[in-house]
Protein backbone atom coordinates (compact mmCIF):
# COMPACT_ATOMS: atom_id res chain seq x y z
CA MET A 1 148.88 136.08 129.47
CA SER A 2 151.62 134.36 127.15
CA VAL A 3 150.16 133.48 123.70
CA ASN A 4 149.66 129.95 124.07
CA GLN A 5 147.24 130.71 127.07
CA ARG A 6 145.56 132.68 124.89
CA SER A 7 144.50 130.36 122.28
CA GLU A 8 143.80 127.08 124.91
CA THR A 9 141.30 129.76 126.50
CA GLU A 10 139.75 130.76 123.24
CA GLU A 11 139.53 126.92 122.93
CA LEU A 12 137.44 126.76 125.94
CA GLU A 13 135.55 129.49 125.15
CA VAL A 14 134.71 127.78 121.99
CA ARG A 15 134.11 124.19 123.90
CA LEU A 16 131.77 126.13 126.05
CA ARG A 17 129.54 127.91 123.89
CA ALA A 18 129.45 125.06 121.48
CA ALA A 19 128.42 122.87 123.87
CA GLY A 20 125.52 125.52 125.39
CA HIS A 21 126.49 127.21 127.96
CA VAL A 22 127.05 130.56 129.08
CA VAL A 23 130.46 132.42 128.30
CA THR A 24 129.87 136.89 128.81
CA VAL A 25 131.34 138.81 126.75
CA SER A 26 133.73 139.34 130.12
CA GLY A 27 134.62 136.11 129.49
CA LEU A 28 133.06 134.39 132.63
CA THR A 29 130.95 131.51 132.75
CA ASP A 30 128.32 130.41 135.32
CA VAL A 31 128.85 127.14 137.53
CA ASP A 32 127.66 124.78 134.92
CA GLY A 33 130.18 125.90 132.48
CA ALA A 34 132.74 125.53 134.84
CA ALA A 35 131.75 122.71 135.88
CA ALA A 36 131.37 121.18 132.49
CA ALA A 37 134.88 122.60 131.46
CA LEU A 38 136.76 120.93 134.83
CA GLY A 39 134.60 117.50 134.05
CA VAL A 40 133.37 117.78 137.49
CA THR A 41 129.87 118.67 139.07
CA ALA A 42 128.41 121.87 140.15
CA ARG A 43 128.29 120.21 143.75
CA THR A 44 132.27 119.52 143.64
CA LEU A 45 132.71 123.36 142.66
CA ARG A 46 130.08 124.35 145.45
CA ARG A 47 132.96 122.31 148.35
CA TRP A 48 135.99 123.79 146.69
CA ARG A 49 134.32 127.15 146.94
CA THR A 50 133.74 126.12 150.69
CA SER A 51 137.37 125.31 150.84
CA GLY A 52 139.14 127.62 148.99
CA THR A 53 140.93 125.02 147.24
CA GLY A 54 138.85 126.10 143.44
CA PRO A 55 139.54 127.77 140.29
CA PRO A 56 138.77 131.77 141.43
CA HIS A 57 135.60 132.35 141.43
CA VAL A 58 133.31 135.78 141.45
CA GLU A 59 130.41 136.65 142.85
CA ILE A 60 128.16 138.60 141.06
CA GLY A 61 124.59 139.09 143.01
CA ALA A 62 123.42 135.76 144.31
CA ARG A 63 124.90 134.12 141.37
CA ILE A 64 128.63 132.12 140.99
CA TRP A 65 131.12 132.97 137.84
CA TYR A 66 134.03 131.73 136.64
CA PRO A 67 136.75 133.86 134.82
CA VAL A 68 137.06 131.35 131.81
CA GLU A 69 140.75 132.14 131.38
CA SER A 70 141.55 130.85 134.92
CA LEU A 71 139.55 127.54 134.42
CA SER A 72 141.12 127.32 131.81
CA ARG A 73 144.47 127.41 133.83
CA TRP A 74 143.74 125.63 136.29
CA LEU A 75 143.10 122.76 133.61
CA ASP A 76 147.06 123.41 132.04
CA ARG A 77 147.81 123.38 135.83
CA SER A 78 146.47 120.62 137.31
CA GLY A 79 147.21 118.38 133.88
CA HIS A 80 143.69 117.65 133.42
CA TRP A 81 143.58 119.90 129.50
CA ARG A 82 141.62 117.42 127.22
CA SER A 83 142.34 118.12 123.84
């Protein structure tokens, strides 16, 4: 990960926490946090997961988690990074 990517990821983690979203010590956020970060609904994330087009996610038990680093890269690639 580049220095710039690291700072964008850290910035996104700070924003998510400030908005009251969960960010684990391992850098994962839940569906609500991911939806907020990307500016989409949880339903859109579910549709993307089903079609295989969304950002990378992990399933732990019955829960879906998104690596904040992956969300940051997704925003960067899509051109939707919000300042």
